[in-house]
N, C-alpha and C. Protein backbone atom coordinates (compact mmCIF):
# COMPACT_ATOMS: atom_id res chain seq x y z
N MET A 1 28.15 6.37 2.96
CA MET A 1 26.94 6.15 3.73
C MET A 1 26.41 7.50 4.17
N THR A 2 25.12 7.70 3.97
CA THR A 2 24.45 8.90 4.43
C THR A 2 23.26 8.48 5.27
N ILE A 3 23.09 9.11 6.43
CA ILE A 3 21.95 8.80 7.28
C ILE A 3 21.22 10.09 7.58
N ARG A 4 19.92 10.11 7.31
CA ARG A 4 19.08 11.26 7.62
C ARG A 4 17.88 10.79 8.41
N ILE A 5 17.49 11.56 9.42
CA ILE A 5 16.35 11.21 10.25
C ILE A 5 15.24 12.20 9.98
N ARG A 6 14.01 11.72 9.81
CA ARG A 6 12.86 12.61 9.70
C ARG A 6 11.63 11.90 10.22
N ARG A 7 10.70 12.67 10.76
CA ARG A 7 9.46 12.12 11.29
C ARG A 7 8.56 11.71 10.13
N ALA A 8 7.86 10.60 10.31
CA ALA A 8 6.90 10.15 9.29
C ALA A 8 5.86 11.23 9.06
N SER A 9 5.31 11.28 7.86
CA SER A 9 4.41 12.38 7.47
C SER A 9 3.10 12.42 8.25
N ASN A 10 2.65 11.33 8.79
CA ASN A 10 1.41 11.30 9.55
C ASN A 10 1.68 11.75 10.98
N PRO A 11 1.16 12.91 11.42
CA PRO A 11 1.47 13.41 12.77
C PRO A 11 0.89 12.54 13.89
N ASN A 12 -0.06 11.66 13.58
CA ASN A 12 -0.63 10.79 14.60
C ASN A 12 0.21 9.54 14.86
N MET A 13 1.20 9.33 14.03
CA MET A 13 2.07 8.17 14.19
C MET A 13 3.41 8.63 14.75
N SER A 14 3.85 7.99 15.80
CA SER A 14 5.15 8.34 16.37
C SER A 14 6.22 7.42 15.81
N VAL A 15 6.39 7.49 14.50
CA VAL A 15 7.39 6.68 13.82
C VAL A 15 8.42 7.62 13.22
N GLU A 16 9.67 7.33 13.48
CA GLU A 16 10.76 8.10 12.88
C GLU A 16 11.31 7.31 11.70
N LEU A 17 11.59 8.00 10.62
CA LEU A 17 12.17 7.40 9.43
C LEU A 17 13.64 7.79 9.38
N ILE A 18 14.50 6.80 9.36
CA ILE A 18 15.93 7.02 9.22
C ILE A 18 16.32 6.55 7.83
N LYS A 19 16.84 7.45 7.03
CA LYS A 19 17.27 7.08 5.68
C LYS A 19 18.74 6.69 5.71
N VAL A 20 19.03 5.54 5.13
CA VAL A 20 20.39 5.02 5.09
C VAL A 20 20.78 4.82 3.63
N LYS A 21 21.86 5.45 3.21
CA LYS A 21 22.37 5.26 1.85
C LYS A 21 23.64 4.43 1.96
N THR A 22 23.59 3.24 1.38
CA THR A 22 24.73 2.34 1.47
C THR A 22 25.64 2.52 0.26
N SER A 23 26.89 2.06 0.40
CA SER A 23 27.88 2.29 -0.65
C SER A 23 28.42 1.01 -1.29
N SER A 24 27.99 -0.16 -0.81
CA SER A 24 28.45 -1.41 -1.42
C SER A 24 27.35 -2.46 -1.39
N ARG A 25 27.57 -3.56 -2.09
CA ARG A 25 26.53 -4.59 -2.18
C ARG A 25 26.19 -5.17 -0.82
N GLU A 26 27.20 -5.49 -0.04
CA GLU A 26 26.99 -6.02 1.30
C GLU A 26 27.76 -5.16 2.29
N GLN A 27 27.04 -4.69 3.30
CA GLN A 27 27.65 -3.73 4.21
C GLN A 27 26.87 -3.68 5.51
N LEU A 28 27.56 -3.64 6.62
CA LEU A 28 26.93 -3.40 7.91
C LEU A 28 27.22 -1.95 8.29
N VAL A 29 26.16 -1.18 8.46
CA VAL A 29 26.28 0.25 8.76
C VAL A 29 25.90 0.47 10.22
N ASP A 30 26.80 1.04 11.00
CA ASP A 30 26.54 1.32 12.40
C ASP A 30 25.59 2.52 12.50
N VAL A 31 24.38 2.27 12.98
CA VAL A 31 23.36 3.33 13.10
C VAL A 31 23.06 3.66 14.57
N THR A 32 23.92 3.22 15.48
CA THR A 32 23.68 3.39 16.91
C THR A 32 23.50 4.86 17.29
N SER A 33 24.36 5.73 16.82
CA SER A 33 24.27 7.15 17.17
C SER A 33 22.96 7.75 16.68
N ASP A 34 22.52 7.35 15.50
CA ASP A 34 21.27 7.85 14.94
C ASP A 34 20.07 7.36 15.74
N ILE A 35 20.13 6.11 16.19
CA ILE A 35 19.07 5.54 17.01
C ILE A 35 19.01 6.29 18.34
N ARG A 36 20.17 6.57 18.91
CA ARG A 36 20.21 7.30 20.19
C ARG A 36 19.62 8.70 20.02
N ARG A 37 19.87 9.35 18.89
CA ARG A 37 19.29 10.68 18.64
C ARG A 37 17.77 10.61 18.58
N VAL A 38 17.24 9.57 17.97
CA VAL A 38 15.78 9.40 17.90
C VAL A 38 15.21 9.27 19.31
N VAL A 39 15.84 8.46 20.14
CA VAL A 39 15.36 8.26 21.51
C VAL A 39 15.47 9.56 22.31
N GLU A 40 16.60 10.24 22.19
CA GLU A 40 16.79 11.50 22.91
C GLU A 40 15.73 12.54 22.50
N LYS A 41 15.52 12.64 21.21
CA LYS A 41 14.53 13.58 20.66
C LYS A 41 13.12 13.29 21.15
N SER A 42 12.83 12.01 21.39
CA SER A 42 11.48 11.62 21.81
C SER A 42 11.17 12.06 23.24
N GLY A 43 12.21 12.19 24.06
CA GLY A 43 12.00 12.54 25.46
C GLY A 43 11.51 11.39 26.32
N VAL A 44 11.44 10.19 25.77
CA VAL A 44 10.97 9.02 26.51
C VAL A 44 12.07 8.55 27.46
N ASP A 45 11.70 8.36 28.73
CA ASP A 45 12.66 7.93 29.74
C ASP A 45 12.77 6.40 29.81
N GLU A 46 11.62 5.73 29.70
CA GLU A 46 11.60 4.27 29.74
C GLU A 46 10.62 3.75 28.70
N GLY A 47 10.98 2.62 28.09
CA GLY A 47 10.10 2.02 27.10
C GLY A 47 10.84 1.01 26.25
N VAL A 48 10.30 0.80 25.06
CA VAL A 48 10.88 -0.14 24.11
C VAL A 48 10.96 0.55 22.75
N LEU A 49 12.08 0.38 22.10
CA LEU A 49 12.29 0.90 20.75
C LEU A 49 12.21 -0.27 19.78
N ILE A 50 11.33 -0.17 18.82
CA ILE A 50 11.22 -1.19 17.78
C ILE A 50 11.86 -0.62 16.52
N LEU A 51 12.80 -1.34 15.96
CA LEU A 51 13.45 -0.95 14.72
C LEU A 51 13.04 -1.94 13.64
N TYR A 52 12.60 -1.40 12.50
CA TYR A 52 12.07 -2.25 11.43
C TYR A 52 12.61 -1.78 10.08
N VAL A 53 13.09 -2.72 9.29
CA VAL A 53 13.59 -2.44 7.94
C VAL A 53 12.55 -2.94 6.94
N PRO A 54 11.88 -2.03 6.20
CA PRO A 54 10.83 -2.44 5.27
C PRO A 54 11.36 -2.84 3.89
N HIS A 55 12.37 -3.69 3.88
CA HIS A 55 12.96 -4.17 2.64
C HIS A 55 13.19 -5.68 2.75
N THR A 56 13.17 -6.37 1.63
CA THR A 56 13.35 -7.83 1.65
C THR A 56 14.80 -8.26 1.47
N THR A 57 15.70 -7.29 1.25
CA THR A 57 17.11 -7.64 1.08
C THR A 57 18.00 -6.80 2.00
N ALA A 58 17.44 -6.34 3.10
CA ALA A 58 18.20 -5.62 4.12
C ALA A 58 17.63 -6.02 5.48
N ALA A 59 18.42 -5.83 6.53
CA ALA A 59 18.01 -6.28 7.86
C ALA A 59 18.60 -5.37 8.93
N ILE A 60 18.38 -5.74 10.19
CA ILE A 60 18.89 -4.97 11.33
C ILE A 60 19.37 -5.97 12.38
N THR A 61 20.48 -5.66 13.03
CA THR A 61 21.01 -6.55 14.06
C THR A 61 21.78 -5.77 15.10
N ILE A 62 22.04 -6.43 16.22
CA ILE A 62 22.91 -5.89 17.26
C ILE A 62 24.09 -6.84 17.39
N ASN A 63 25.30 -6.26 17.38
CA ASN A 63 26.48 -7.10 17.54
C ASN A 63 27.64 -6.23 17.98
N GLU A 64 28.81 -6.81 18.07
CA GLU A 64 29.99 -6.06 18.52
C GLU A 64 30.36 -4.97 17.53
N GLY A 65 30.64 -3.79 18.07
CA GLY A 65 31.03 -2.67 17.23
C GLY A 65 32.42 -2.14 17.54
N ALA A 66 33.09 -2.69 18.55
CA ALA A 66 34.42 -2.20 18.92
C ALA A 66 35.47 -2.59 17.89
N ASP A 67 35.34 -3.76 17.33
CA ASP A 67 36.30 -4.26 16.34
C ASP A 67 35.60 -4.35 14.98
N PRO A 68 36.01 -3.52 14.01
CA PRO A 68 35.35 -3.55 12.69
C PRO A 68 35.47 -4.88 11.96
N ASP A 69 36.41 -5.71 12.38
CA ASP A 69 36.55 -7.03 11.76
C ASP A 69 35.34 -7.91 12.02
N VAL A 70 34.62 -7.67 13.12
CA VAL A 70 33.43 -8.47 13.42
C VAL A 70 32.38 -8.29 12.32
N ALA A 71 32.12 -7.04 11.92
CA ALA A 71 31.15 -6.78 10.84
C ALA A 71 31.59 -7.46 9.55
N MET A 72 32.88 -7.41 9.26
CA MET A 72 33.39 -8.08 8.06
C MET A 72 33.24 -9.59 8.17
N ASP A 73 33.50 -10.14 9.36
CA ASP A 73 33.34 -11.58 9.56
C ASP A 73 31.89 -12.00 9.39
N ILE A 74 30.96 -11.18 9.87
CA ILE A 74 29.54 -11.50 9.71
C ILE A 74 29.18 -11.53 8.23
N THR A 75 29.60 -10.51 7.50
CA THR A 75 29.32 -10.44 6.06
C THR A 75 29.93 -11.64 5.33
N GLU A 76 31.17 -11.95 5.64
CA GLU A 76 31.83 -13.08 4.98
C GLU A 76 31.21 -14.42 5.39
N GLY A 77 30.80 -14.54 6.65
CA GLY A 77 30.15 -15.77 7.10
C GLY A 77 28.82 -16.00 6.40
N LEU A 78 28.04 -14.93 6.26
CA LEU A 78 26.77 -15.05 5.55
C LEU A 78 26.99 -15.38 4.08
N ALA A 79 28.07 -14.86 3.49
CA ALA A 79 28.39 -15.17 2.09
C ALA A 79 28.70 -16.65 1.91
N LYS A 80 29.26 -17.28 2.93
CA LYS A 80 29.53 -18.72 2.86
C LYS A 80 28.24 -19.53 2.96
N ILE A 81 27.31 -19.04 3.77
CA ILE A 81 26.02 -19.72 3.94
C ILE A 81 25.13 -19.54 2.72
N ALA A 82 25.10 -18.32 2.19
CA ALA A 82 24.25 -17.98 1.04
C ALA A 82 25.08 -17.20 0.02
N PRO A 83 25.87 -17.91 -0.80
CA PRO A 83 26.76 -17.23 -1.74
C PRO A 83 26.03 -16.56 -2.90
N TYR A 84 26.55 -15.41 -3.28
CA TYR A 84 26.04 -14.66 -4.44
C TYR A 84 26.31 -15.47 -5.72
N GLY A 85 25.31 -15.55 -6.59
CA GLY A 85 25.49 -16.22 -7.88
C GLY A 85 25.66 -17.72 -7.79
N ALA A 86 25.04 -18.34 -6.80
CA ALA A 86 25.22 -19.79 -6.59
C ALA A 86 24.13 -20.62 -7.27
N GLY A 87 23.55 -20.12 -8.35
CA GLY A 87 22.55 -20.89 -9.08
C GLY A 87 21.18 -20.90 -8.42
N TRP A 88 20.84 -19.84 -7.74
CA TRP A 88 19.53 -19.72 -7.11
C TRP A 88 18.44 -19.63 -8.17
N ARG A 89 17.21 -19.97 -7.82
CA ARG A 89 16.09 -19.93 -8.76
C ARG A 89 15.55 -18.51 -9.01
N HIS A 90 15.63 -17.65 -8.01
CA HIS A 90 15.06 -16.30 -8.12
C HIS A 90 15.68 -15.56 -9.30
N ALA A 91 14.84 -15.12 -10.23
CA ALA A 91 15.29 -14.57 -11.50
C ALA A 91 16.04 -13.25 -11.40
N GLU A 92 15.84 -12.50 -10.33
CA GLU A 92 16.48 -11.18 -10.22
C GLU A 92 17.97 -11.26 -9.89
N GLY A 93 18.43 -12.43 -9.49
CA GLY A 93 19.85 -12.59 -9.21
C GLY A 93 20.27 -12.17 -7.82
N ASN A 94 19.31 -11.91 -6.94
CA ASN A 94 19.66 -11.48 -5.58
C ASN A 94 19.07 -12.41 -4.51
N ALA A 95 18.87 -13.66 -4.86
CA ALA A 95 18.29 -14.62 -3.90
C ALA A 95 19.13 -14.74 -2.65
N ASP A 96 20.45 -14.65 -2.79
CA ASP A 96 21.32 -14.70 -1.62
C ASP A 96 20.98 -13.58 -0.63
N SER A 97 20.62 -12.43 -1.15
CA SER A 97 20.26 -11.28 -0.30
C SER A 97 18.99 -11.55 0.48
N HIS A 98 18.02 -12.20 -0.14
CA HIS A 98 16.77 -12.55 0.54
C HIS A 98 17.04 -13.57 1.66
N VAL A 99 17.90 -14.54 1.39
CA VAL A 99 18.24 -15.54 2.41
C VAL A 99 18.94 -14.88 3.59
N LYS A 100 19.89 -14.00 3.32
CA LYS A 100 20.63 -13.31 4.39
C LYS A 100 19.70 -12.44 5.23
N CYS A 101 18.77 -11.76 4.59
CA CYS A 101 17.80 -10.95 5.31
C CYS A 101 16.96 -11.82 6.24
N SER A 102 16.54 -12.98 5.75
CA SER A 102 15.73 -13.88 6.58
C SER A 102 16.53 -14.44 7.76
N LEU A 103 17.80 -14.67 7.56
CA LEU A 103 18.65 -15.18 8.64
C LEU A 103 18.88 -14.14 9.73
N ILE A 104 19.06 -12.90 9.34
CA ILE A 104 19.35 -11.83 10.31
C ILE A 104 18.06 -11.29 10.93
N SER A 105 17.07 -10.90 10.15
CA SER A 105 15.77 -10.40 10.59
C SER A 105 15.58 -8.93 10.21
N PRO A 106 14.37 -8.60 9.80
CA PRO A 106 14.09 -7.21 9.46
C PRO A 106 13.71 -6.34 10.65
N SER A 107 13.68 -6.91 11.88
CA SER A 107 13.31 -6.08 13.03
C SER A 107 13.98 -6.56 14.31
N ILE A 108 14.17 -5.60 15.22
CA ILE A 108 14.67 -5.89 16.56
C ILE A 108 13.96 -4.96 17.54
N SER A 109 13.99 -5.32 18.80
CA SER A 109 13.47 -4.48 19.88
C SER A 109 14.63 -4.18 20.82
N VAL A 110 14.66 -2.94 21.31
CA VAL A 110 15.72 -2.51 22.22
C VAL A 110 15.07 -1.82 23.41
N ILE A 111 15.51 -2.15 24.61
CA ILE A 111 14.98 -1.54 25.82
C ILE A 111 15.51 -0.11 25.95
N ILE A 112 14.64 0.79 26.41
CA ILE A 112 15.03 2.16 26.71
C ILE A 112 14.95 2.34 28.23
N GLU A 113 16.03 2.79 28.83
CA GLU A 113 16.07 3.12 30.26
C GLU A 113 16.84 4.41 30.43
N LYS A 114 16.37 5.28 31.31
CA LYS A 114 17.02 6.56 31.60
C LYS A 114 17.28 7.35 30.32
N GLY A 115 16.31 7.30 29.40
CA GLY A 115 16.39 8.09 28.17
C GLY A 115 17.39 7.63 27.14
N ASP A 116 17.89 6.39 27.25
CA ASP A 116 18.87 5.89 26.29
C ASP A 116 18.59 4.41 26.04
N ILE A 117 19.09 3.92 24.90
CA ILE A 117 18.95 2.49 24.61
C ILE A 117 19.92 1.69 25.48
N VAL A 118 19.50 0.49 25.84
CA VAL A 118 20.32 -0.38 26.68
C VAL A 118 21.06 -1.35 25.78
N LEU A 119 22.39 -1.19 25.76
CA LEU A 119 23.25 -2.08 25.00
C LEU A 119 24.38 -2.56 25.90
N GLY A 120 24.93 -3.72 25.57
CA GLY A 120 26.09 -4.21 26.29
C GLY A 120 27.31 -3.37 25.95
N THR A 121 28.36 -3.58 26.69
CA THR A 121 29.58 -2.78 26.56
C THR A 121 30.07 -2.64 25.12
N TRP A 122 30.08 -3.72 24.38
CA TRP A 122 30.65 -3.69 23.03
C TRP A 122 29.59 -3.64 21.94
N GLN A 123 28.32 -3.66 22.33
CA GLN A 123 27.25 -3.76 21.33
C GLN A 123 26.97 -2.45 20.61
N ARG A 124 26.62 -2.59 19.33
CA ARG A 124 26.18 -1.49 18.47
C ARG A 124 25.01 -2.01 17.63
N VAL A 125 24.23 -1.10 17.08
CA VAL A 125 23.11 -1.46 16.21
C VAL A 125 23.58 -1.28 14.76
N PHE A 126 23.38 -2.32 13.95
CA PHE A 126 23.83 -2.29 12.56
C PHE A 126 22.68 -2.47 11.58
N PHE A 127 22.61 -1.58 10.60
CA PHE A 127 21.76 -1.76 9.42
C PHE A 127 22.54 -2.68 8.50
N CYS A 128 21.92 -3.75 8.03
CA CYS A 128 22.60 -4.75 7.21
C CYS A 128 22.13 -4.65 5.77
N GLU A 129 22.99 -4.24 4.90
CA GLU A 129 22.71 -4.15 3.46
C GLU A 129 23.20 -5.42 2.79
N PHE A 130 22.32 -6.06 2.01
CA PHE A 130 22.70 -7.29 1.31
C PHE A 130 22.51 -7.20 -0.21
N ASP A 131 22.02 -6.06 -0.71
CA ASP A 131 21.76 -5.93 -2.15
C ASP A 131 21.94 -4.47 -2.59
N GLY A 132 23.03 -3.88 -2.17
CA GLY A 132 23.28 -2.46 -2.46
C GLY A 132 24.22 -2.28 -3.63
N PRO A 133 24.68 -1.05 -3.77
CA PRO A 133 24.33 0.10 -2.94
C PRO A 133 22.92 0.61 -3.25
N ARG A 134 22.27 1.10 -2.22
CA ARG A 134 20.90 1.59 -2.35
C ARG A 134 20.60 2.68 -1.32
N SER A 135 19.49 3.36 -1.54
CA SER A 135 18.92 4.25 -0.53
C SER A 135 17.86 3.44 0.19
N ARG A 136 17.99 3.35 1.51
CA ARG A 136 17.13 2.47 2.30
C ARG A 136 16.41 3.24 3.40
N LYS A 137 15.44 2.55 4.00
CA LYS A 137 14.68 3.12 5.11
C LYS A 137 14.83 2.22 6.33
N LEU A 138 14.88 2.86 7.48
CA LEU A 138 14.84 2.19 8.77
C LEU A 138 13.79 2.92 9.59
N LEU A 139 12.78 2.20 10.06
CA LEU A 139 11.71 2.81 10.84
C LEU A 139 11.94 2.54 12.31
N ALA A 140 11.71 3.58 13.12
CA ALA A 140 11.90 3.48 14.57
C ALA A 140 10.59 3.88 15.26
N LYS A 141 10.07 3.00 16.10
CA LYS A 141 8.83 3.24 16.84
C LYS A 141 9.12 3.04 18.31
N ILE A 142 8.78 4.04 19.12
CA ILE A 142 9.00 3.96 20.55
C ILE A 142 7.67 3.71 21.25
N ILE A 143 7.67 2.72 22.12
CA ILE A 143 6.51 2.44 22.96
C ILE A 143 6.90 2.82 24.38
N LYS A 144 6.21 3.82 24.93
CA LYS A 144 6.54 4.31 26.27
C LYS A 144 6.21 3.26 27.30
N GLY A 145 7.09 3.16 28.31
CA GLY A 145 6.92 2.14 29.33
C GLY A 145 6.45 2.66 30.58
């Protein structure tokens, strides 16, 4: 997994682009530290962070990050709901990935207080890959509060 952060090319847009390179077909990548760097770099003390994945077979979620088995359980649970190669109609062979993305969601909002994202004790932010390995994008937009 490789994560790189860069500002979007349009200087009038305050959108940060986080590049995520995944290493397997289905994978939850902890991007919490990268998200925190974006918020710190922005200098915003209070507001809302919107995270958006512009892909139809990847998503973003918040869940427990203390135990790595949770991420594996999520991946395995989604595989039971939408199994790979289960005779889907979509010709590309990745219909399960589209279903998983729709179940999780391509966007989330996170509160910013005191210059940091507000998460529960065990919570982390995960980029969810469902059709990798690939080079992906995660967009971060901060709305000052």
